[in-house]
Amino acid sequence: MKHTYKTKNTCSRSIEFEVENGIVRNVKFNGGCMGNTQGIAALVEGMKIEDVIAKCEGIQCGFRGTSCPDQLAKALKSVE
C-alpha cells in the first residue's frame, strides 16, 4: 500500500513509501538533501518497519529537533 507523509521541520517536504507485509519499499523523499535522502531510501529498502524505526528514530539534524531519517520513522509508525 502506498503512503505519503508530510514532514515537519526538515528540508524535505514529504516522504512517499510503500509497505508490503511489514516490509518497507520504494521510499522517496520530496525535497531535502538529495544524496542523503537517496542514501536513506536505498538503505531501508526491503527492511522490516520495526528495524527502520529502531535505526532512524531520534536522529537529529542540527537545531531542528528532528531529521529526515527521524521523519521516516514517524511516517512508518503512523502506518504500523
C-alpha atoms as a PDB file:
ATOM      1  CA  MET A   1       0.000   0.000   0.000  1.00  0.00           C
ATOM      2  CA  LYS A   2       1.340   3.451  -0.958  1.00  0.00           C
ATOM      3  CA  HIS A   3       1.578   6.172   1.685  1.00  0.00           C
ATOM      4  CA  THR A   4       2.538   9.852   1.700  1.00  0.00           C
ATOM      5  CA  TYR A   5       3.713  11.543   4.896  1.00  0.00           C
ATOM      6  CA  LYS A   6       4.047  15.335   5.176  1.00  0.00           C
ATOM      7  CA  THR A   7       7.289  16.017   7.043  1.00  0.00           C
ATOM      8  CA  LYS A   8       7.767  18.650   9.738  1.00  0.00           C
ATOM      9  CA  ASN A   9      10.863  20.784  10.479  1.00  0.00           C
ATOM     10  CA  THR A  10      13.027  19.248   7.729  1.00  0.00           C
ATOM     11  CA  CYS A  11      14.228  20.347   4.309  1.00  0.00           C
ATOM     12  CA  SER A  12      12.229  17.531   2.719  1.00  0.00           C
ATOM     13  CA  ARG A  13       8.539  18.327   2.229  1.00  0.00           C
ATOM     14  CA  SER A  14       7.136  14.813   2.222  1.00  0.00           C
ATOM     15  CA  ILE A  15       8.005  11.121   2.057  1.00  0.00           C
ATOM     16  CA  GLU A  16       6.321   8.625  -0.246  1.00  0.00           C
ATOM     17  CA  PHE A  17       6.699   4.932   0.557  1.00  0.00           C
ATOM     18  CA  GLU A  18       5.046   1.561   0.350  1.00  0.00           C
ATOM     19  CA  VAL A  19       4.675  -1.164   2.952  1.00  0.00           C
ATOM     20  CA  GLU A  20       4.128  -4.764   1.906  1.00  0.00           C
ATOM     21  CA  ASN A  21       3.684  -7.342   4.675  1.00  0.00           C
ATOM     22  CA  GLY A  22       5.616  -5.166   7.122  1.00  0.00           C
ATOM     23  CA  ILE A  23       8.474  -4.542   4.652  1.00  0.00           C
ATOM     24  CA  VAL A  24       9.460  -1.021   3.527  1.00  0.00           C
ATOM     25  CA  ARG A  25       9.569  -0.462  -0.226  1.00  0.00           C
ATOM     26  CA  ASN A  26      10.019   2.391  -2.733  1.00  0.00           C
ATOM     27  CA  VAL A  27      10.903   5.219  -0.325  1.00  0.00           C
ATOM     28  CA  LYS A  28      11.125   8.630  -1.994  1.00  0.00           C
ATOM     29  CA  PHE A  29      11.819  11.905  -0.205  1.00  0.00           C
ATOM     30  CA  ASN A  30      10.458  15.034  -1.888  1.00  0.00           C
ATOM     31  CA  GLY A  31      12.953  17.814  -1.304  1.00  0.00           C
ATOM     32  CA  GLY A  32      15.842  17.741   1.127  1.00  0.00           C
ATOM     33  CA  CYS A  33      19.486  16.866   0.534  1.00  0.00           C
ATOM     34  CA  MET A  34      19.237  14.586  -2.490  1.00  0.00           C
ATOM     35  CA  GLY A  35      22.323  12.474  -1.799  1.00  0.00           C
ATOM     36  CA  ASN A  36      21.400  11.887   1.826  1.00  0.00           C
ATOM     37  CA  THR A  37      17.738  11.140   1.212  1.00  0.00           C
ATOM     38  CA  GLN A  38      18.519   8.812  -1.693  1.00  0.00           C
ATOM     39  CA  GLY A  39      21.024   7.046   0.547  1.00  0.00           C
ATOM     40  CA  ILE A  40      18.488   6.604   3.327  1.00  0.00           C
ATOM     41  CA  ALA A  41      15.916   5.312   0.835  1.00  0.00           C
ATOM     42  CA  ALA A  42      18.371   2.770  -0.585  1.00  0.00           C
ATOM     43  CA  LEU A  43      19.499   1.577   2.840  1.00  0.00           C
ATOM     44  CA  VAL A  44      15.993   0.945   4.186  1.00  0.00           C
ATOM     45  CA  GLU A  45      14.669  -0.777   1.036  1.00  0.00           C
ATOM     46  CA  GLY A  46      13.489  -4.270   1.980  1.00  0.00           C
ATOM     47  CA  MET A  47      13.848  -3.764   5.737  1.00  0.00           C
ATOM     48  CA  LYS A  48      11.164  -4.541   8.308  1.00  0.00           C
ATOM     49  CA  ILE A  49       9.263  -1.478   9.547  1.00  0.00           C
ATOM     50  CA  GLU A  50      10.343  -2.035  13.148  1.00  0.00           C
ATOM     51  CA  ASP A  51      14.029  -2.266  12.153  1.00  0.00           C
ATOM     52  CA  VAL A  52      13.890   1.034  10.234  1.00  0.00           C
ATOM     53  CA  ILE A  53      12.162   2.726  13.170  1.00  0.00           C
ATOM     54  CA  ALA A  54      14.756   1.371  15.623  1.00  0.00           C
ATOM     55  CA  LYS A  55      17.651   2.671  13.500  1.00  0.00           C
ATOM     56  CA  CYS A  56      16.213   6.045  12.417  1.00  0.00           C
ATOM     57  CA  GLU A  57      14.079   7.270  15.309  1.00  0.00           C
ATOM     58  CA  GLY A  58      15.598  10.126  17.282  1.00  0.00           C
ATOM     59  CA  ILE A  59      18.300  11.126  14.777  1.00  0.00           C
ATOM     60  CA  GLN A  60      18.711  14.907  14.921  1.00  0.00           C
ATOM     61  CA  CYS A  61      19.672  17.408  12.203  1.00  0.00           C
ATOM     62  CA  GLY A  62      21.217  20.469  13.803  1.00  0.00           C
ATOM     63  CA  PHE A  63      18.809  22.525  15.901  1.00  0.00           C
ATOM     64  CA  ARG A  64      15.650  21.196  14.219  1.00  0.00           C
ATOM     65  CA  GLY A  65      14.766  18.565  16.816  1.00  0.00           C
ATOM     66  CA  THR A  66      14.234  16.001  14.041  1.00  0.00           C
ATOM     67  CA  SER A  67      15.757  14.875  10.728  1.00  0.00           C
ATOM     68  CA  CYS A  68      14.733  13.175   7.505  1.00  0.00           C
ATOM     69  CA  PRO A  69      15.512   9.714   8.972  1.00  0.00           C
ATOM     70  CA  ASP A  70      13.545  10.594  12.132  1.00  0.00           C
ATOM     71  CA  GLN A  71      10.620  11.766   9.988  1.00  0.00           C
ATOM     72  CA  LEU A  72      10.745   8.450   8.113  1.00  0.00           C
ATOM     73  CA  ALA A  73      10.476   6.641  11.454  1.00  0.00           C
ATOM     74  CA  LYS A  74       7.449   8.796  12.351  1.00  0.00           C
ATOM     75  CA  ALA A  75       5.892   8.072   8.962  1.00  0.00           C
ATOM     76  CA  LEU A  76       6.338   4.335   9.435  1.00  0.00           C
ATOM     77  CA  LYS A  77       4.927   4.485  12.961  1.00  0.00           C
ATOM     78  CA  SER A  78       1.807   6.128  11.529  1.00  0.00           C
ATOM     79  CA  VAL A  79       1.064   3.027   9.431  1.00  0.00           C
ATOM     80  CA  GLU A  80       2.164   0.303  11.865  1.00  0.00           C
END
